[in-house]
Structures are given as structure tokens and as C-alpha cells.
Amino acid sequence: MSRALISPELLSSHDEEKCLETLKQCMKKQWNSFAAFGPLFTDEFLLHFMRGRKYRVENTLETLKNYIQVRAKKYPEIFLHLLPSSIVIKEDCIRKLKIAGLDGVTIFATRVEWWPPLDSGHGWDEIIPKIVVAADMVLLAPKGMDLLRVDCIVDMEGFNRHHFQRLFGIRPCIKMMNLFYKAFPLRLRTVHFVNSPSCFDMFFVVAKKLLPKYMNRVILHSGNLDTLHRYIPRDTLPTCWNGKLSLENAIDPNFNKDILNNEHFYEKLQQCIRKYNLKN
């Protein structure tokens, strides 16, 4: 099959039904790769993948296959028991800003003070499911995002050596890359670290050498939030990041409630994983 990029004429007329039909025809030709996960593939679900891959059919097919592989073969220990209601971390440590950023990008945010206390003993095994269900919210939103673009803000104020010892390492970074890179339609534009301590600066230098392609999206704002505003308008930000809104007005109050409403999707996902593993 050629590198099937949907024509500009279709995009200009917003004729997504024709785009979707092209994708479905390609999937039928290799249905054995997709059959077990068929119950997930609603039109809206597939369109999210197409939008995230800019309507490139081959890229969309590759992402769908990787999505299945990551959940059924590579990390079944994460997804076979994943339910929003059973996630260990109950704190709203990942939040979504109410107002979209430049070009309609979705903005996720986290602060150290929103994290579970250190004496909770939580590490990456508990954190990753929390990140996954938050990312899935972009995919499962009723209308979705045009191109599923995301910016992230990570506020490191209060971060100390105990956090560093427990949370930071190259292996979790690689695991996160495997979960999302080419296996999920979300397009991460930038990750902004603010108020980061000096120990994190050292980690950043090492990570940039080991993972230069990915770390180019990561931006440190060392004590200067004016540089953050070049990427994310102050009108969308709370005052803790020198924005114009109160925290209450800046944060989407329904985001974590909506995550809990997706329980049925994860039950269906688990059924698909079991069906896949029975056949493979």
C-alpha cells in the first residue's frame, strides 16, 4: 500500500466520513491484527486516531497496531486490571486547565503539592495508571480534540531529594515513551517544568543526552515564568504561574469526575486484551 495521505480536498471539505471509510477498508485487509479489539473501534474512536495522525492512513494503522501491542502484549500487567475506580492514587494530582491554550491545545498540569505524600509509598507502578486514564480522557472525550494536541505544566516547587530518589530514573521515562510514542494518537507538543530544583537540572542534562529526540519537547523555566507565557497565555493560567485566573477558575472541575465515568471503556478494554491473548 502506498503512503496513503488523505487528499487536501477531503480535509478542506471536512469530509471525515470518507477519511474514515478509507481507514476501515485498509483495516479489513488485515483484520486479523485488529479483530480482538474490534469492540473498541467505534467511528469516533477511529476518528480520534486519524486526527492525531493528521489523516495519514498508514500512520494511523501503525498507531492502532501499536496501541493493541502495548496493551495486550507489552504491558498487560497495567491494562488487564485498569479501572478508574480502582486506581490507588485518589488525589487529583493531574488536572486539566479549563481554557485551551494556543490553537486550541489541551493543557494538563501537576504540582508537587497535589501529589500523594511521600510516606504513602507510591511509585511509578501507581503513577502510570493515573497518567494513562488522564491521557485517555482526551481520546474518549465526546467530541475530542481536532488534532489531540497537549501541553503539560509540571510545577516542581516543594520537590526534594526524597522525591528524586523515589521517582526519577531512565527506565520510567522509557516506559512512558513505549506507552505513548507511536502507540497513542495524542500529540505532546511541550512539557514545561517550573520551579525545578538544581538536582532536577542535573537529571535533565543526562536525559537530554540519552533521549535527545524526546527531550527537545521539554522546557525548563528556571525561576522565570515569563518564558512560560511565550507558550501558554496568561489568560489561561492561575496566579501560581503568574496567570490572570484564580486556581478555582483555571482548573476544569469536571475532569477527574469524567475519568470515573469511563469505567465501562476499561471493562471492555480488558475483555479485548483477554480475547487477544487467547488467540495469540
Protein backbone atom coordinates (compact mmCIF):
# COMPACT_ATOMS: atom_id res chain seq x y z
CA MET A 1 0.00 0.00 0.00
CA SER A 2 1.28 3.45 -0.80
CA ARG A 3 1.76 6.12 1.82
CA ALA A 4 -1.93 7.00 1.87
CA LEU A 5 -2.32 10.61 2.87
CA ILE A 6 -5.90 11.77 2.61
CA SER A 7 -6.16 14.44 -0.06
CA PRO A 8 -6.35 18.13 0.87
CA GLU A 9 -9.72 18.31 -0.92
CA LEU A 10 -11.25 15.98 1.65
CA LEU A 11 -9.75 17.88 4.53
CA SER A 12 -10.85 21.24 3.20
CA SER A 13 -14.45 19.98 3.00
CA HIS A 14 -14.18 18.33 6.42
CA ASP A 15 -15.42 15.12 4.86
CA GLU A 16 -14.23 12.88 7.65
CA GLU A 17 -16.63 10.11 6.70
CA LYS A 18 -14.62 9.47 3.53
CA CYS A 19 -11.40 9.52 5.53
CA LEU A 20 -12.88 7.02 7.96
CA GLU A 21 -14.08 4.75 5.18
CA THR A 22 -10.58 4.68 3.68
CA LEU A 23 -9.17 3.63 7.06
CA LYS A 24 -11.80 0.92 7.56
CA GLN A 25 -11.12 -0.58 4.14
CA CYS A 26 -7.42 -0.78 4.95
CA MET A 27 -8.19 -2.39 8.31
CA LYS A 28 -10.40 -5.04 6.69
CA LYS A 29 -7.49 -6.19 4.53
CA GLN A 30 -5.51 -7.04 7.68
CA TRP A 31 -8.37 -7.64 10.10
CA ASN A 32 -6.55 -10.40 11.99
CA SER A 33 -4.37 -7.68 13.52
CA PHE A 34 -7.41 -5.77 14.78
CA ALA A 35 -10.21 -8.29 15.36
CA ALA A 36 -9.78 -8.80 19.11
CA PHE A 37 -10.05 -5.04 19.73
CA GLY A 38 -12.95 -4.60 17.31
CA PRO A 39 -15.47 -3.71 20.08
CA LEU A 40 -13.44 -0.57 20.84
CA PHE A 41 -13.36 0.66 17.27
CA THR A 42 -16.34 2.97 17.12
CA ASP A 43 -16.30 5.60 14.40
CA GLU A 44 -15.46 8.33 16.92
CA PHE A 45 -12.62 6.26 18.41
CA LEU A 46 -11.07 5.68 14.98
CA LEU A 47 -11.50 9.32 14.00
CA HIS A 48 -9.52 10.37 17.07
CA PHE A 49 -6.66 8.22 15.84
CA MET A 50 -6.91 9.69 12.34
CA ARG A 51 -6.95 13.26 13.66
CA GLY A 52 -3.96 12.54 15.87
CA ARG A 53 -2.05 11.22 12.87
CA LYS A 54 -3.11 14.09 10.58
CA TYR A 55 -5.25 11.77 8.45
CA ARG A 56 -2.27 9.71 7.27
CA VAL A 57 -3.76 6.26 6.84
CA GLU A 58 -0.55 4.23 7.15
CA ASN A 59 0.48 6.14 10.27
CA THR A 60 -2.98 5.62 11.75
CA LEU A 61 -2.83 1.87 11.07
CA GLU A 62 0.61 1.66 12.67
CA THR A 63 -0.58 3.57 15.75
CA LEU A 64 -3.63 1.32 16.13
CA LYS A 65 -1.45 -1.79 15.93
CA ASN A 66 0.97 -0.38 18.48
CA TYR A 67 -1.94 0.61 20.73
CA ILE A 68 -3.02 -3.04 20.76
CA GLN A 69 0.51 -4.40 21.25
CA VAL A 70 1.26 -2.11 24.17
CA ARG A 71 -1.93 -3.06 25.99
CA ALA A 72 -2.15 -6.77 25.18
CA LYS A 73 1.48 -7.90 24.90
CA LYS A 74 3.97 -5.39 26.23
CA TYR A 75 2.26 -4.15 29.42
CA PRO A 76 -0.77 -6.37 30.17
CA GLU A 77 0.04 -6.04 33.87
CA ILE A 78 -1.01 -2.38 33.61
CA PHE A 79 -4.11 -2.72 31.48
CA LEU A 80 -5.67 -6.06 32.49
CA HIS A 81 -6.77 -4.64 35.82
CA LEU A 82 -7.01 -0.94 34.98
CA LEU A 83 -10.21 0.70 36.18
CA PRO A 84 -10.53 4.38 37.16
CA SER A 85 -12.33 3.37 40.36
CA SER A 86 -9.51 1.05 41.44
CA ILE A 87 -6.56 3.37 40.86
CA VAL A 88 -4.54 3.52 44.06
CA ILE A 89 -3.80 7.26 43.89
CA LYS A 90 -7.03 9.05 44.73
CA GLU A 91 -5.64 12.58 44.80
CA ASP A 92 -6.37 14.81 41.78
CA CYS A 93 -2.68 15.05 41.03
CA ILE A 94 -3.21 15.54 37.29
CA ARG A 95 -5.59 18.33 36.34
CA LYS A 96 -6.76 19.95 33.13
CA LEU A 97 -6.96 23.67 32.61
CA LYS A 98 -10.45 24.89 31.80
CA ILE A 99 -9.37 27.17 28.94
CA ALA A 100 -7.47 25.72 25.98
CA GLY A 101 -4.10 27.14 25.02
CA LEU A 102 -2.81 28.44 21.71
CA ASP A 103 -4.50 26.84 18.70
CA GLY A 104 -6.92 25.01 20.99
CA VAL A 105 -4.30 22.81 22.61
CA THR A 106 -5.35 20.93 25.77
CA ILE A 107 -3.27 21.81 28.83
CA PHE A 108 -2.59 19.32 31.62
CA ALA A 109 -0.95 20.41 34.85
CA THR A 110 0.50 18.91 38.00
CA ARG A 111 2.13 20.34 41.13
CA VAL A 112 4.16 18.60 43.82
CA GLU A 113 1.66 19.78 46.42
CA TRP A 114 -1.08 17.87 44.56
CA TRP A 115 0.89 14.61 44.73
CA PRO A 116 0.31 11.91 47.35
CA PRO A 117 2.54 12.34 50.44
CA LEU A 118 5.92 10.64 50.31
CA ASP A 119 5.02 8.33 53.18
CA SER A 120 2.26 6.82 51.01
CA GLY A 121 4.98 4.75 49.34
CA HIS A 122 3.58 5.34 45.85
CA GLY A 123 5.99 4.99 42.92
CA TRP A 124 5.72 4.61 39.16
CA ASP A 125 3.59 1.45 39.40
CA GLU A 126 0.87 3.62 40.93
CA ILE A 127 1.59 6.81 38.97
CA ILE A 128 1.48 5.37 35.43
CA PRO A 129 -2.18 4.20 35.61
CA LYS A 130 -3.12 7.70 36.76
CA ILE A 131 -1.35 9.21 33.74
CA VAL A 132 -2.92 6.69 31.35
CA VAL A 133 -6.54 7.41 32.38
CA ALA A 134 -5.87 11.16 32.20
CA ALA A 135 -4.47 10.83 28.67
CA ASP A 136 -7.38 8.59 27.67
CA MET A 137 -9.77 11.40 28.59
CA VAL A 138 -8.56 13.34 25.55
CA LEU A 139 -9.18 10.28 23.40
CA LEU A 140 -12.57 9.47 24.93
CA ALA A 141 -13.95 13.00 25.08
CA PRO A 142 -17.36 13.06 23.32
CA LYS A 143 -16.20 15.46 20.62
CA GLY A 144 -12.48 15.01 21.04
CA MET A 145 -9.80 17.44 20.02
CA ASP A 146 -9.11 18.31 16.40
CA LEU A 147 -5.55 17.01 16.49
CA LEU A 148 -5.35 15.78 20.10
CA ARG A 149 -2.59 18.24 20.93
CA VAL A 150 -1.42 18.58 24.52
CA ASP A 151 0.88 20.85 26.53
CA CYS A 152 1.87 19.92 30.09
CA ILE A 153 2.98 22.02 33.05
CA VAL A 154 4.90 20.37 35.90
CA ASP A 155 5.39 22.61 38.95
CA MET A 156 8.34 21.27 40.97
CA GLU A 157 8.01 23.62 43.95
CA GLY A 158 8.48 21.51 47.08
CA PHE A 159 10.33 18.78 45.19
CA ASN A 160 13.24 17.37 47.23
CA ARG A 161 15.85 14.62 47.16
CA HIS A 162 13.36 12.08 48.54
CA HIS A 163 11.08 12.64 45.54
CA PHE A 164 14.10 12.34 43.27
CA GLN A 165 15.25 9.06 44.82
CA ARG A 166 11.81 7.52 44.51
CA LEU A 167 10.59 8.82 41.18
CA PHE A 168 13.38 9.68 38.80
CA GLY A 169 15.22 7.31 36.53
CA ILE A 170 15.68 6.49 32.86
CA ARG A 171 13.60 3.29 32.96
CA PRO A 172 10.31 5.03 33.84
CA CYS A 173 10.98 7.55 31.06
CA ILE A 174 11.48 4.73 28.55
CA LYS A 175 8.32 3.00 29.77
CA MET A 176 6.34 6.20 29.29
CA MET A 177 7.74 6.57 25.77
CA ASN A 178 6.70 2.98 24.96
CA LEU A 179 3.18 3.63 26.24
CA PHE A 180 2.57 6.73 24.19
CA TYR A 181 5.10 7.20 21.38
CA LYS A 182 3.61 5.76 18.16
CA ALA A 183 1.07 3.88 20.27
CA PHE A 184 -1.39 6.66 21.07
CA PRO A 185 -2.82 9.46 18.92
CA LEU A 186 -2.19 12.19 21.47
CA ARG A 187 0.38 14.70 20.19
CA LEU A 188 2.51 16.04 23.01
CA ARG A 189 3.78 19.46 21.97
CA THR A 190 5.70 20.64 25.02
CA VAL A 191 6.32 19.80 28.68
CA HIS A 192 7.12 22.81 30.86
CA PHE A 193 8.94 22.38 34.17
CA VAL A 194 8.68 25.35 36.51
CA ASN A 195 10.31 25.93 39.90
CA SER A 196 12.61 22.95 39.37
CA PRO A 197 15.41 22.37 41.92
CA SER A 198 19.07 22.03 40.97
CA CYS A 199 19.01 18.23 41.36
CA PHE A 200 16.44 18.06 38.55
CA ASP A 201 18.64 20.20 36.31
CA MET A 202 21.32 17.51 36.52
CA PHE A 203 18.83 14.79 35.61
CA PHE A 204 17.63 16.88 32.67
CA VAL A 205 21.17 17.17 31.28
CA VAL A 206 21.64 13.37 31.42
CA ALA A 207 18.21 12.64 29.97
CA LYS A 208 18.75 15.05 27.09
CA LYS A 209 21.94 13.22 26.12
CA LEU A 210 20.27 9.80 26.29
CA LEU A 211 16.93 10.79 24.75
CA PRO A 212 17.61 13.92 22.66
CA LYS A 213 14.67 13.47 20.29
CA TYR A 214 12.11 13.35 23.10
CA MET A 215 13.73 15.81 25.49
CA ASN A 216 13.64 18.54 22.85
CA ARG A 217 9.98 18.93 23.78
CA VAL A 218 10.88 19.53 27.43
CA ILE A 219 11.47 23.13 28.51
CA LEU A 220 12.86 24.26 31.87
CA HIS A 221 11.73 27.62 33.20
CA SER A 222 14.22 28.22 35.99
CA GLY A 223 12.66 30.94 38.10
CA ASN A 224 11.40 32.89 35.09
CA LEU A 225 7.74 32.35 34.35
CA ASP A 226 7.80 34.99 31.61
CA THR A 227 9.32 32.33 29.37
CA LEU A 228 6.35 30.03 30.13
CA HIS A 229 3.96 32.71 28.86
CA ARG A 230 5.60 32.58 25.43
CA TYR A 231 4.00 29.14 25.06
CA ILE A 232 0.90 29.33 27.27
CA PRO A 233 -1.08 32.59 27.54
CA ARG A 234 -1.51 34.16 30.95
CA ASP A 235 -5.25 34.34 30.30
CA THR A 236 -5.45 30.55 30.69
CA LEU A 237 -3.18 30.24 33.75
CA PRO A 238 -3.78 30.51 37.51
CA THR A 239 -1.96 33.10 39.60
CA CYS A 240 0.50 30.49 40.93
CA TRP A 241 2.11 30.64 37.46
CA ASN A 242 1.67 34.41 37.14
CA GLY A 243 -1.56 33.94 35.26
CA LYS A 244 -4.73 36.00 35.47
CA LEU A 245 -7.10 33.43 36.96
CA SER A 246 -7.67 32.03 40.41
CA LEU A 247 -6.82 28.34 40.71
CA GLU A 248 -10.51 27.55 41.08
CA ASN A 249 -11.37 29.36 37.85
CA ALA A 250 -8.40 27.96 35.93
CA ILE A 251 -8.95 24.24 36.61
CA ASP A 252 -11.64 22.16 34.93
CA PRO A 253 -13.74 20.94 37.90
CA ASN A 254 -15.26 18.03 35.99
CA PHE A 255 -12.10 16.44 34.62
CA ASN A 256 -11.47 13.82 37.31
CA LYS A 257 -15.21 13.13 37.65
CA ASP A 258 -15.34 12.44 33.91
CA ILE A 259 -12.46 9.96 34.25
CA LEU A 260 -14.52 7.91 36.70
CA ASN A 261 -17.39 7.87 34.20
CA ASN A 262 -15.23 5.91 31.73
CA GLU A 263 -15.32 2.68 33.77
CA HIS A 264 -17.20 0.78 31.05
CA PHE A 265 -14.50 1.55 28.46
CA TYR A 266 -11.83 -0.12 30.60
CA GLU A 267 -14.01 -3.13 31.26
CA LYS A 268 -14.39 -3.52 27.50
CA LEU A 269 -10.63 -3.00 27.02
CA GLN A 270 -9.90 -5.84 29.45
CA GLN A 271 -12.21 -8.15 27.52
CA CYS A 272 -10.37 -7.25 24.30
CA ILE A 273 -6.98 -7.97 25.87
CA ARG A 274 -8.12 -11.39 27.11
CA LYS A 275 -9.58 -12.23 23.70
CA TYR A 276 -6.34 -11.17 22.00
CA ASN A 277 -4.18 -13.29 24.30
CA LEU A 278 -6.41 -16.34 23.80
CA LYS A 279 -5.81 -16.13 20.05
CA ASN A 280 -2.10 -15.38 20.32
